[in-house]
Amino acid sequence: MTNSSPHASSLVTIQTAQSGFYEGFNRVVALSPKILIGLLIFWAGVYPEQAGEELLTVQNWTNEVFGAWYIYVAAFYLIVCLLLSLWPATGRVKLGKPDERPEFSTFSWFAMMFGAGIGVGMLTYSTAEPIFHFAQNPDTIKGIVDAQSAENVRNAYKWAFLHYGLTPWGCYGIIGMSLAYFSYNRGMPLTIRSALQPLFGRAVSGPLGHIVDIVAILATVIGVGVTIGYGVSQFASGVFNITGAEWMTVGEGKPTLVAQLMALVIIMLASTGSAMSGINRGIKWLSNLNMGLSFFLLAFFAVLGATLFAFKAFFIGIWDYIRFLPEASFTVWSDTSTEVGQSLVNWQNAWSIFYWAWWIAFAPFVGLFLARVSRGRSIREYVLGAMIVPSIMCFTWFALVGGTAIDLELNGVAQGSIINADISAQLFRTINLMLSPELAIGMSIIIVVLLSTYLVTSADSAILIINTLASAGNESPKHAKHIAIWGIIFTAVIAALLAAGGMGALRSAMIIGALPFSLVMALMGISLIKVLVFKRD
């Protein structure tokens, strides 16, 4: 027996089970993703080599056919968010009732958004992104500037800021804005399908809406899976830096599969426990903790790192980024007739297209979470807090942490030890060069704790968001069994893909899985424009 969700309006009604194991859930939306992900786990677990190879093949096809789509659609998300915030009539619109006040303080609001949205990526890529582009970027490929030279620093930051600036937060922002408006202003369920109601009417209450929410859940699982995969790899590298246990790494600091799986189990057990405590307890407390530790780490690099270098990189980098953003947002390299052209295409596939797919796959989780914690704020305030401030925070990380790493390489102190290290070990290599062995171990412990809080915050938030989508937007606490099941599913799918091809397999699955949801997000942007700008339902 089923009934309509108590949160549904007459515009969107979602049937939920009245009794049984899936009481309060829509059975189709709750069960279908588990079956599909279960098949992926089985395939990757039983035929790991075949799965890894075929995922890579499909990824290459996706890049070739839909690479330009990823570039253009990400630009569309950004433009919609900025225009709606700048336009006076839409920027003043409050996400919620006219007299509604924000539930969370500004600090807690920002801490939860940043921690769930990009915290893990900062610890992995604050060193890796600038240092990789310092070694190679489109300008070095074209021969405009020499790689690993002082003249290449500005180019390195131009590209680094592109991938962590306004565009990714625009991906998150358009989801959060859409869900908050249609749910809190129009009384529809807090689900992805609600944002498409102005385009498809009551059809979103049926199979079409089920498909939309299922696609969102699948994208979330893969997107969060990639994030956790990178995070547990860095977690393992940090533990190795602390303990020196040789079985944990191979080559230039690359974590072994065993080390990654052990870290994965630890993080997911903690995440499941945190998710059971709900958003106002575990997630809020952890978000405040990781924000405090993040400021401590930034202060450490500000005092002991390459401060003057970072200061220049920050301000000059922002200037270069703002000038470069319009061109970069619409540049698609497709000339494969020359070696340089092919190199540019390969670079864009490995960096920009990978990133846009990652942010899109991560967007249903982060976007719904942003909507949940941003109730009571205006669209203009939302864009400031959900896009502009987080971008500046990312730039600060890149300038201080990545700038220190680049400075160590430029001055000959690192002698290639940071550039040549595995991505998961680059931050710890930087720390080791800055401090004595004893102090480096102490700082590594702080980084591992911070990384753990970011990982747990991301994973437990994702579990709660998935259950919200599957229960017709019902935000009330879910039974522990449903939280535990998704914790097990996350652990299994990440472990299976790591075994099938390491982070490469996770990346391939994510680029493929993000594609359907990128179309849903584009439709959400069109829906917002139709309702807010043209005032048509």
Protein backbone atom coordinates (compact mmCIF):
# COMPACT_ATOMS: atom_id res chain seq x y z
CA MET A 1 0.00 0.00 0.00
CA THR A 2 1.25 3.50 -0.79
CA ASN A 3 0.36 7.03 0.03
CA SER A 4 1.51 10.47 -1.03
CA SER A 5 4.42 12.08 0.73
CA PRO A 6 3.24 14.47 3.47
CA HIS A 7 5.66 17.03 2.05
CA ALA A 8 4.25 16.96 -1.46
CA SER A 9 2.22 19.78 -2.95
CA SER A 10 -0.56 19.29 -5.43
CA LEU A 11 1.94 20.08 -8.20
CA VAL A 12 4.25 17.15 -7.41
CA THR A 13 3.08 14.04 -5.62
CA ILE A 14 5.43 11.15 -4.94
CA GLN A 15 4.04 7.84 -3.78
CA THR A 16 5.74 6.31 -0.74
CA ALA A 17 5.27 2.95 0.96
CA GLN A 18 2.98 2.97 3.99
CA SER A 19 4.44 -0.15 5.60
CA GLY A 20 7.21 -2.69 5.27
CA PHE A 21 10.97 -2.35 4.95
CA TYR A 22 10.69 0.72 2.71
CA GLU A 23 8.05 2.50 4.77
CA GLY A 24 8.25 6.21 3.98
CA PHE A 25 10.33 5.59 0.82
CA ASN A 26 9.41 5.42 -2.82
CA ARG A 27 10.27 1.80 -3.56
CA VAL A 28 11.30 2.41 -7.18
CA VAL A 29 13.68 5.25 -6.31
CA ALA A 30 15.04 3.53 -3.22
CA LEU A 31 15.59 0.08 -4.75
CA SER A 32 16.60 0.73 -8.37
CA PRO A 33 19.95 2.45 -7.62
CA LYS A 34 20.89 -0.37 -5.25
CA ILE A 35 20.27 -2.96 -7.96
CA LEU A 36 22.25 -1.03 -10.57
CA ILE A 37 25.14 -0.34 -8.22
CA GLY A 38 25.03 -3.96 -7.07
CA LEU A 39 25.52 -5.07 -10.68
CA LEU A 40 28.49 -2.70 -10.99
CA ILE A 41 30.00 -4.07 -7.79
CA PHE A 42 29.53 -7.64 -9.00
CA TRP A 43 31.07 -6.89 -12.40
CA ALA A 44 34.06 -5.01 -10.97
CA GLY A 45 34.53 -7.57 -8.22
CA VAL A 46 34.32 -10.73 -10.34
CA TYR A 47 35.95 -9.38 -13.52
CA PRO A 48 38.20 -6.56 -12.29
CA GLU A 49 40.55 -6.41 -15.27
CA GLN A 50 37.73 -6.49 -17.82
CA ALA A 51 35.77 -3.88 -15.87
CA GLY A 52 38.75 -1.54 -15.67
CA GLU A 53 39.50 -1.83 -19.40
CA GLU A 54 35.90 -1.41 -20.56
CA LEU A 55 35.27 1.53 -18.25
CA LEU A 56 38.32 3.24 -19.73
CA THR A 57 37.08 2.51 -23.26
CA VAL A 58 33.66 4.02 -22.55
CA GLN A 59 35.31 6.99 -20.83
CA ASN A 60 37.42 7.71 -23.91
CA TRP A 61 34.30 7.55 -26.09
CA THR A 62 32.47 9.88 -23.71
CA ASN A 63 35.32 12.39 -23.82
CA GLU A 64 35.42 12.29 -27.61
CA VAL A 65 31.67 12.66 -28.15
CA PHE A 66 30.55 14.72 -25.16
CA GLY A 67 33.70 16.58 -24.12
CA ALA A 68 32.48 19.84 -25.65
CA TRP A 69 29.10 19.37 -23.96
CA TYR A 70 30.77 19.22 -20.54
CA ILE A 71 32.68 22.45 -21.23
CA TYR A 72 29.68 24.41 -22.49
CA VAL A 73 27.12 23.16 -20.00
CA ALA A 74 29.37 23.98 -17.02
CA ALA A 75 29.62 27.54 -18.36
CA PHE A 76 25.82 27.65 -18.62
CA TYR A 77 25.40 26.73 -14.93
CA LEU A 78 27.77 29.50 -13.89
CA ILE A 79 26.08 32.13 -16.06
CA VAL A 80 22.61 31.28 -14.74
CA CYS A 81 23.68 31.53 -11.10
CA LEU A 82 25.50 34.83 -11.54
CA LEU A 83 22.75 36.45 -13.59
CA LEU A 84 20.00 35.44 -11.14
CA SER A 85 21.99 36.89 -8.24
CA LEU A 86 22.87 40.15 -10.03
CA TRP A 87 19.41 40.80 -11.49
CA PRO A 88 17.67 42.95 -8.81
CA ALA A 89 14.26 41.30 -9.06
CA THR A 90 15.64 37.77 -8.67
CA GLY A 91 18.58 38.50 -6.37
CA ARG A 92 16.20 39.69 -3.63
CA VAL A 93 14.12 36.51 -3.69
CA LYS A 94 14.38 34.69 -0.38
CA LEU A 95 14.78 30.92 -0.39
CA GLY A 96 11.94 30.29 1.99
CA LYS A 97 9.02 32.21 3.47
CA PRO A 98 9.36 36.04 3.51
CA ASP A 99 9.76 36.17 7.31
CA GLU A 100 11.91 33.04 7.58
CA ARG A 101 15.31 33.34 9.26
CA PRO A 102 18.35 31.14 8.55
CA GLU A 103 18.54 28.03 10.72
CA PHE A 104 22.34 28.02 11.03
CA SER A 105 24.82 30.73 11.99
CA THR A 106 26.92 32.17 9.19
CA PHE A 107 30.05 30.32 10.40
CA SER A 108 28.30 26.94 10.68
CA TRP A 109 26.57 27.53 7.33
CA PHE A 110 29.83 28.24 5.54
CA ALA A 111 31.66 25.43 7.36
CA MET A 112 29.09 22.83 6.31
CA MET A 113 29.01 24.05 2.71
CA PHE A 114 32.77 24.11 2.31
CA GLY A 115 33.35 20.82 4.13
CA ALA A 116 30.78 18.90 2.14
CA GLY A 117 31.48 20.65 -1.14
CA ILE A 118 35.21 20.60 -1.57
CA GLY A 119 37.08 20.04 1.71
CA VAL A 120 38.62 16.70 0.73
CA GLY A 121 39.67 18.13 -2.62
CA MET A 122 41.52 20.97 -0.93
CA LEU A 123 43.74 18.66 1.06
CA THR A 124 44.53 16.57 -2.01
CA TYR A 125 44.73 19.26 -4.66
CA SER A 126 45.90 22.38 -2.79
CA THR A 127 49.41 21.09 -3.45
CA ALA A 128 48.77 18.90 -6.50
CA GLU A 129 46.79 21.31 -8.70
CA PRO A 130 49.30 24.20 -8.80
CA ILE A 131 52.34 21.90 -8.86
CA PHE A 132 50.97 19.79 -11.73
CA HIS A 133 50.18 22.86 -13.83
CA PHE A 134 53.58 24.26 -12.92
CA ALA A 135 54.99 21.13 -14.58
CA GLN A 136 52.59 21.14 -17.55
CA ASN A 137 49.63 23.17 -18.81
CA PRO A 138 48.31 24.25 -22.22
CA ASP A 139 50.73 27.18 -22.33
CA THR A 140 53.74 24.88 -21.90
CA ILE A 141 52.28 22.45 -24.45
CA LYS A 142 52.01 25.28 -26.98
CA GLY A 143 55.60 26.32 -26.21
CA ILE A 144 54.61 29.77 -24.96
CA VAL A 145 56.48 29.30 -21.68
CA ASP A 146 58.92 26.78 -20.26
CA ALA A 147 57.64 24.18 -17.80
CA GLN A 148 58.83 24.41 -14.17
CA SER A 149 60.10 27.93 -14.69
CA ALA A 150 59.42 31.11 -12.75
CA GLU A 151 57.65 32.48 -15.83
CA ASN A 152 55.19 29.58 -15.72
CA VAL A 153 53.89 30.31 -12.20
CA ARG A 154 51.17 32.69 -13.37
CA ASN A 155 49.97 30.19 -15.97
CA ALA A 156 49.91 27.43 -13.35
CA TYR A 157 47.63 29.48 -11.11
CA LYS A 158 45.45 30.62 -13.98
CA TRP A 159 44.54 27.01 -14.73
CA ALA A 160 44.38 25.93 -11.09
CA PHE A 161 41.93 28.71 -10.23
CA LEU A 162 39.79 27.81 -13.24
CA HIS A 163 39.17 24.30 -11.95
CA TYR A 164 38.38 25.34 -8.37
CA GLY A 165 36.83 28.75 -8.85
CA LEU A 166 33.34 29.92 -9.72
CA THR A 167 32.51 27.19 -12.24
CA PRO A 168 32.47 24.21 -9.86
CA TRP A 169 30.56 26.19 -7.28
CA GLY A 170 28.17 27.19 -10.05
CA CYS A 171 27.47 23.47 -10.57
CA TYR A 172 26.65 23.12 -6.90
CA GLY A 173 24.88 26.46 -6.76
CA ILE A 174 22.32 25.80 -9.48
CA ILE A 175 21.17 22.60 -7.76
CA GLY A 176 20.91 24.17 -4.32
CA MET A 177 19.12 27.27 -5.59
CA SER A 178 16.63 25.21 -7.60
CA LEU A 179 15.81 22.79 -4.81
CA ALA A 180 15.56 25.47 -2.14
CA TYR A 181 13.26 27.65 -4.25
CA PHE A 182 10.89 24.94 -5.47
CA SER A 183 10.75 23.20 -2.10
CA TYR A 184 10.70 26.08 0.40
CA ASN A 185 8.98 28.72 -1.74
CA ARG A 186 6.54 26.52 -3.64
CA GLY A 187 6.01 23.67 -1.22
CA MET A 188 7.24 20.87 -3.45
CA PRO A 189 9.19 17.87 -2.17
CA LEU A 190 12.91 18.37 -1.62
CA THR A 191 13.87 16.18 -4.56
CA ILE A 192 15.57 16.79 -7.90
CA ARG A 193 12.37 16.16 -9.88
CA SER A 194 10.61 19.11 -8.25
CA ALA A 195 12.90 21.56 -10.05
CA LEU A 196 11.69 20.23 -13.40
CA GLN A 197 7.97 20.65 -12.66
CA PRO A 198 7.67 23.97 -14.55
CA LEU A 199 8.95 22.20 -17.68
CA PHE A 200 7.18 18.84 -17.48
CA GLY A 201 4.20 19.47 -15.20
CA ARG A 202 2.62 16.55 -13.39
CA ALA A 203 4.69 14.07 -15.41
CA VAL A 204 7.46 14.45 -12.82
CA SER A 205 5.21 12.74 -10.28
CA GLY A 206 5.46 9.47 -12.19
CA PRO A 207 8.11 7.39 -14.00
CA LEU A 208 9.87 10.45 -15.46
CA GLY A 209 10.41 11.84 -11.98
CA HIS A 210 11.56 8.46 -10.70
CA ILE A 211 14.21 8.33 -13.44
CA VAL A 212 15.42 11.84 -12.59
CA ASP A 213 15.86 11.02 -8.89
CA ILE A 214 17.49 7.66 -9.67
CA VAL A 215 19.99 9.38 -12.00
CA ALA A 216 20.74 11.88 -9.23
CA ILE A 217 21.37 9.10 -6.70
CA LEU A 218 23.64 7.20 -9.10
CA ALA A 219 25.63 10.37 -9.87
CA THR A 220 25.95 11.05 -6.16
CA VAL A 221 27.28 7.59 -5.39
CA ILE A 222 29.92 7.79 -8.13
CA GLY A 223 30.85 11.43 -7.47
CA VAL A 224 31.21 10.96 -3.74
CA GLY A 225 32.98 7.66 -4.44
CA VAL A 226 35.73 9.43 -6.41
CA THR A 227 36.12 12.00 -3.65
CA ILE A 228 36.37 9.36 -0.94
CA GLY A 229 38.73 7.35 -3.14
CA TYR A 230 41.17 10.26 -3.36
CA GLY A 231 40.67 10.98 0.31
CA VAL A 232 41.41 7.48 1.59
CA SER A 233 44.49 7.36 -0.67
CA GLN A 234 45.79 10.50 0.98
CA PHE A 235 44.75 9.16 4.39
CA ALA A 236 46.91 6.09 3.76
CA SER A 237 49.82 8.29 2.62
CA GLY A 238 49.49 10.33 5.79
CA VAL A 239 49.54 7.27 8.01
CA PHE A 240 52.63 6.08 6.13
CA ASN A 241 54.28 9.47 6.73
CA ILE A 242 53.56 9.07 10.43
CA THR A 243 54.45 5.41 10.91
CA GLY A 244 56.88 4.67 8.08
CA ALA A 245 55.15 1.30 7.47
CA GLU A 246 56.62 0.29 4.13
CA TRP A 247 53.77 -2.07 3.21
CA MET A 248 51.46 0.96 2.84
CA THR A 249 53.09 2.54 -0.24
CA VAL A 250 54.88 1.67 -3.47
CA GLY A 251 56.90 3.78 -5.90
CA GLU A 252 56.77 7.53 -5.29
CA GLY A 253 54.45 7.30 -2.31
CA LYS A 254 51.48 5.65 -4.06
CA PRO A 255 49.32 3.84 -1.45
CA THR A 256 48.89 0.10 -1.86
CA LEU A 257 45.43 -1.35 -2.43
CA VAL A 258 45.47 -2.93 1.03
CA ALA A 259 46.23 0.42 2.66
CA GLN A 260 43.47 2.12 0.67
CA LEU A 261 40.90 -0.52 1.60
CA MET A 262 41.81 -0.38 5.30
CA ALA A 263 41.46 3.40 5.28
CA LEU A 264 38.16 3.09 3.41
CA VAL A 265 36.65 0.78 6.01
CA ILE A 266 37.71 3.07 8.87
CA ILE A 267 36.27 6.19 7.23
CA MET A 268 32.98 4.58 6.22
CA LEU A 269 32.37 3.11 9.68
CA ALA A 270 32.83 6.58 11.19
CA SER A 271 30.67 8.16 8.48
CA THR A 272 27.79 5.77 9.02
CA GLY A 273 27.85 6.48 12.75
CA SER A 274 27.88 10.22 12.13
CA ALA A 275 24.99 9.98 9.65
CA MET A 276 22.90 8.22 12.27
CA SER A 277 23.28 11.23 14.56
CA GLY A 278 21.77 13.59 11.96
CA ILE A 279 22.66 16.97 10.47
CA ASN A 280 22.23 19.03 13.63
CA ARG A 281 24.58 16.90 15.70
CA GLY A 282 27.32 14.86 14.04
CA ILE A 283 27.56 16.70 10.72
CA LYS A 284 27.38 20.20 12.22
CA TRP A 285 29.93 19.37 14.93
CA LEU A 286 32.35 17.77 12.48
CA SER A 287 31.98 20.68 10.04
CA ASN A 288 32.89 23.20 12.72
CA LEU A 289 35.85 21.03 13.79
CA ASN A 290 37.26 20.65 10.29
CA MET A 291 36.87 24.37 9.60
CA GLY A 292 38.85 25.17 12.75
CA LEU A 293 41.60 22.72 11.80
CA SER A 294 41.61 24.11 8.25
CA PHE A 295 42.31 27.62 9.54
CA PHE A 296 45.09 26.21 11.72
CA LEU A 297 46.70 24.51 8.72
CA LEU A 298 46.40 27.67 6.62
CA ALA A 299 47.92 29.70 9.45
CA PHE A 300 50.82 27.24 9.57
CA PHE A 301 51.57 27.77 5.87
CA ALA A 302 51.03 31.53 6.19
CA VAL A 303 53.68 31.72 8.94
CA LEU A 304 56.19 29.06 7.88
CA GLY A 305 55.49 28.75 4.17
CA ALA A 306 56.40 30.94 1.20
CA THR A 307 54.27 33.86 2.40
CA LEU A 308 55.42 36.54 -0.06
CA PHE A 309 55.21 34.08 -2.95
CA ALA A 310 51.68 33.10 -1.84
CA PHE A 311 50.61 36.75 -1.50
CA LYS A 312 51.62 37.46 -5.10
CA ALA A 313 50.15 34.21 -6.39
CA PHE A 314 46.81 34.95 -4.72
CA PHE A 315 46.19 38.46 -6.01
CA ILE A 316 47.85 38.15 -9.40
CA GLY A 317 46.22 34.74 -9.83
CA ILE A 318 42.74 36.16 -9.18
CA TRP A 319 43.37 38.98 -11.69
CA ASP A 320 44.56 36.52 -14.32
CA TYR A 321 41.66 34.17 -13.57
CA ILE A 322 38.97 36.85 -13.94
CA ARG A 323 40.42 37.94 -17.29
CA PHE A 324 40.86 34.36 -18.44
CA LEU A 325 37.49 32.92 -17.29
CA PRO A 326 35.33 33.92 -20.32
CA GLU A 327 37.84 32.49 -22.81
CA ALA A 328 38.51 29.30 -20.83
CA SER A 329 34.81 28.65 -20.27
CA PHE A 330 34.18 28.20 -24.00
CA THR A 331 37.49 26.81 -25.30
CA VAL A 332 37.29 23.26 -26.66
CA TRP A 333 40.39 21.76 -28.24
CA SER A 334 39.64 19.27 -30.96
CA ASP A 335 42.56 19.57 -33.41
CA THR A 336 44.13 16.11 -33.41
CA SER A 337 46.03 16.53 -36.68
CA THR A 338 49.22 17.64 -34.91
CA GLU A 339 51.14 16.45 -31.89
CA VAL A 340 50.45 19.72 -30.08
CA GLY A 341 46.73 19.52 -30.91
CA GLN A 342 46.48 15.97 -29.64
CA SER A 343 48.35 16.93 -26.47
CA LEU A 344 45.91 19.78 -25.83
CA VAL A 345 42.94 17.45 -26.30
CA ASN A 346 44.49 14.90 -23.93
CA TRP A 347 45.20 17.60 -21.37
CA GLN A 348 41.65 18.94 -21.49
CA ASN A 349 40.22 15.43 -21.13
CA ALA A 350 42.44 14.70 -18.14
CA TRP A 351 41.82 18.03 -16.40
CA SER A 352 38.94 20.33 -17.36
CA ILE A 353 36.50 17.68 -18.59
CA PHE A 354 37.36 15.41 -15.67
CA TYR A 355 36.75 18.25 -13.24
CA TRP A 356 33.46 19.39 -14.76
CA ALA A 357 32.22 15.80 -14.70
CA TRP A 358 33.37 15.47 -11.07
CA TRP A 359 31.56 18.62 -9.96
CA ILE A 360 28.43 17.58 -11.85
CA ALA A 361 28.46 14.10 -10.31
CA PHE A 362 28.99 15.66 -6.88
CA ALA A 363 26.33 18.33 -7.45
CA PRO A 364 23.12 16.47 -6.49
CA PHE A 365 24.61 15.64 -3.10
CA VAL A 366 26.18 19.04 -2.41
CA GLY A 367 23.32 20.96 -4.04
CA LEU A 368 20.62 19.31 -1.96
CA PHE A 369 22.78 19.79 1.12
CA LEU A 370 23.24 23.49 0.27
CA ALA A 371 19.48 23.85 -0.13
CA ARG A 372 18.91 22.19 3.22
CA VAL A 373 21.25 24.51 5.13
CA SER A 374 20.52 27.74 3.16
CA ARG A 375 16.83 28.09 3.91
CA GLY A 376 15.96 31.67 4.84
CA ARG A 377 18.70 33.34 2.75
CA SER A 378 18.20 35.42 -0.40
CA ILE A 379 19.45 34.26 -3.80
CA ARG A 380 22.08 37.02 -3.78
CA GLU A 381 23.25 36.03 -0.30
CA TYR A 382 23.18 32.38 -1.33
CA VAL A 383 25.43 32.98 -4.37
CA LEU A 384 27.82 35.04 -2.25
CA GLY A 385 28.04 32.34 0.41
CA ALA A 386 27.81 29.29 -1.81
CA MET A 387 29.97 30.40 -4.75
CA ILE A 388 32.10 33.50 -4.26
CA VAL A 389 33.36 32.98 -0.69
CA PRO A 390 34.19 29.28 -1.23
CA SER A 391 36.07 30.18 -4.42
CA ILE A 392 38.18 32.70 -2.52
CA MET A 393 38.79 30.07 0.14
CA CYS A 394 40.05 27.65 -2.51
CA PHE A 395 42.31 30.32 -3.98
CA THR A 396 43.76 30.93 -0.53
CA TRP A 397 44.57 27.23 -0.13
CA PHE A 398 46.21 27.08 -3.55
CA ALA A 399 48.27 30.20 -2.89
CA LEU A 400 49.54 29.21 0.55
CA VAL A 401 49.93 25.44 0.25
CA GLY A 402 50.59 25.05 -3.47
CA GLY A 403 52.69 28.21 -3.51
CA THR A 404 54.98 26.81 -0.83
CA ALA A 405 55.42 23.61 -2.85
CA ILE A 406 56.22 25.52 -6.05
CA ASP A 407 58.66 27.77 -4.19
CA LEU A 408 60.48 24.74 -2.79
CA GLU A 409 60.82 23.36 -6.32
CA LEU A 410 61.92 26.70 -7.82
CA ASN A 411 64.58 27.18 -5.15
CA GLY A 412 66.01 23.71 -5.66
CA VAL A 413 65.11 22.52 -2.16
CA ALA A 414 62.63 19.88 -3.33
CA GLN A 415 64.68 18.75 -6.36
CA GLY A 416 61.63 17.19 -7.98
CA SER A 417 60.52 15.24 -4.89
CA ILE A 418 57.14 17.01 -4.79
CA ILE A 419 56.45 17.11 -8.52
CA ASN A 420 57.37 13.44 -8.98
CA ALA A 421 55.47 12.17 -5.93
CA ASP A 422 52.10 10.46 -6.13
CA ILE A 423 49.22 12.92 -5.83
CA SER A 424 48.28 11.52 -2.42
CA ALA A 425 51.79 12.12 -1.03
CA GLN A 426 52.59 15.61 -2.36
CA LEU A 427 51.27 17.52 0.65
CA PHE A 428 53.24 15.32 3.04
CA ARG A 429 56.40 15.66 0.95
CA THR A 430 56.00 19.43 1.27
CA ILE A 431 55.58 19.17 5.04
CA ASN A 432 58.65 16.94 5.33
CA LEU A 433 60.79 19.54 3.55
CA MET A 434 59.54 22.37 5.76
CA LEU A 435 59.93 20.75 9.18
CA SER A 436 62.18 18.48 11.21
CA PRO A 437 61.17 14.78 11.15
CA GLU A 438 59.52 15.01 14.58
CA LEU A 439 57.52 18.14 13.78
CA ALA A 440 56.60 16.74 10.36
CA ILE A 441 55.06 13.71 12.06
CA GLY A 442 53.07 15.97 14.38
CA MET A 443 51.77 18.07 11.50
CA SER A 444 50.98 14.92 9.53
CA ILE A 445 48.81 13.73 12.41
CA ILE A 446 46.86 17.00 12.32
CA ILE A 447 46.40 16.70 8.54
CA VAL A 448 45.20 13.09 8.85
CA VAL A 449 42.68 14.11 11.52
CA LEU A 450 41.49 17.02 9.36
CA LEU A 451 41.24 14.77 6.32
CA SER A 452 39.24 12.27 8.36
CA THR A 453 36.71 14.91 9.40
CA TYR A 454 36.29 16.08 5.81
CA LEU A 455 35.85 12.51 4.57
CA VAL A 456 33.36 11.64 7.28
CA THR A 457 31.42 14.88 6.68
CA SER A 458 31.21 14.20 2.94
CA ALA A 459 30.23 10.56 3.27
CA ASP A 460 27.66 10.93 6.05
CA SER A 461 26.07 13.93 4.34
CA ALA A 462 25.83 11.94 1.10
CA ILE A 463 24.09 9.06 2.88
CA LEU A 464 21.51 11.40 4.41
CA ILE A 465 20.94 13.15 1.07
CA ILE A 466 20.41 9.87 -0.80
CA ASN A 467 17.83 8.78 1.76
CA THR A 468 16.10 12.15 1.42
CA LEU A 469 15.85 11.73 -2.36
CA ALA A 470 14.53 8.19 -1.99
CA SER A 471 11.90 9.20 0.57
CA ALA A 472 10.15 11.86 -1.52
CA GLY A 473 12.15 14.70 0.02
CA ASN A 474 11.32 13.82 3.60
CA GLU A 475 14.12 15.31 5.72
CA SER A 476 13.19 13.58 8.97
CA PRO A 477 15.73 11.14 10.46
CA LYS A 478 15.81 7.75 8.75
CA HIS A 479 16.03 4.33 10.35
CA ALA A 480 19.55 3.20 11.14
CA LYS A 481 19.17 0.22 8.82
CA HIS A 482 18.82 2.41 5.73
CA ILE A 483 21.84 4.49 6.73
CA ALA A 484 23.88 1.34 7.36
CA ILE A 485 22.90 -0.17 4.00
CA TRP A 486 24.13 2.86 2.09
CA GLY A 487 27.31 2.91 4.15
CA ILE A 488 27.95 -0.68 3.07
CA ILE A 489 27.09 0.12 -0.57
CA PHE A 490 29.49 3.07 -0.65
CA THR A 491 32.26 0.95 0.84
CA ALA A 492 31.64 -1.92 -1.58
CA VAL A 493 31.48 0.13 -4.78
CA ILE A 494 34.61 2.15 -3.96
CA ALA A 495 36.50 -1.01 -2.96
CA ALA A 496 35.41 -2.87 -6.11
CA LEU A 497 36.44 -0.05 -8.45
CA LEU A 498 39.75 0.49 -6.66
CA ALA A 499 40.46 -3.22 -7.11
CA ALA A 500 39.40 -3.07 -10.77
CA GLY A 501 41.70 -0.25 -11.78
CA GLY A 502 42.54 1.99 -8.87
CA MET A 503 41.58 5.65 -9.08
CA GLY A 504 41.51 5.35 -12.89
CA ALA A 505 38.47 3.08 -12.73
CA LEU A 506 36.72 5.41 -10.29
CA ARG A 507 37.45 8.36 -12.57
CA SER A 508 36.12 6.51 -15.61
CA ALA A 509 32.90 5.49 -13.84
CA MET A 510 32.38 9.05 -12.67
CA ILE A 511 32.88 10.72 -16.09
CA ILE A 512 30.41 8.25 -17.60
CA GLY A 513 27.91 8.46 -14.73
CA ALA A 514 27.84 12.26 -14.63
CA LEU A 515 26.68 12.61 -18.24
CA PRO A 516 22.93 11.93 -17.77
CA PHE A 517 22.73 14.19 -14.75
CA SER A 518 24.44 17.04 -16.62
CA LEU A 519 21.33 17.20 -18.83
CA VAL A 520 19.07 17.23 -15.77
CA MET A 521 21.06 20.16 -14.36
CA ALA A 522 20.76 22.09 -17.62
CA LEU A 523 16.98 21.62 -17.50
CA MET A 524 16.97 22.82 -13.89
CA GLY A 525 18.67 26.03 -14.99
CA ILE A 526 16.11 26.56 -17.76
CA SER A 527 13.32 25.89 -15.28
CA LEU A 528 14.66 28.52 -12.87
CA ILE A 529 14.89 31.10 -15.66
CA LYS A 530 11.35 30.33 -16.77
CA VAL A 531 9.89 30.83 -13.30
CA LEU A 532 12.06 33.61 -11.85
CA VAL A 533 12.74 35.74 -14.92
CA PHE A 534 9.74 35.15 -17.18
CA LYS A 535 7.30 34.49 -14.30
CA ARG A 536 5.77 31.51 -16.05
CA ASP A 537 4.79 28.32 -14.27
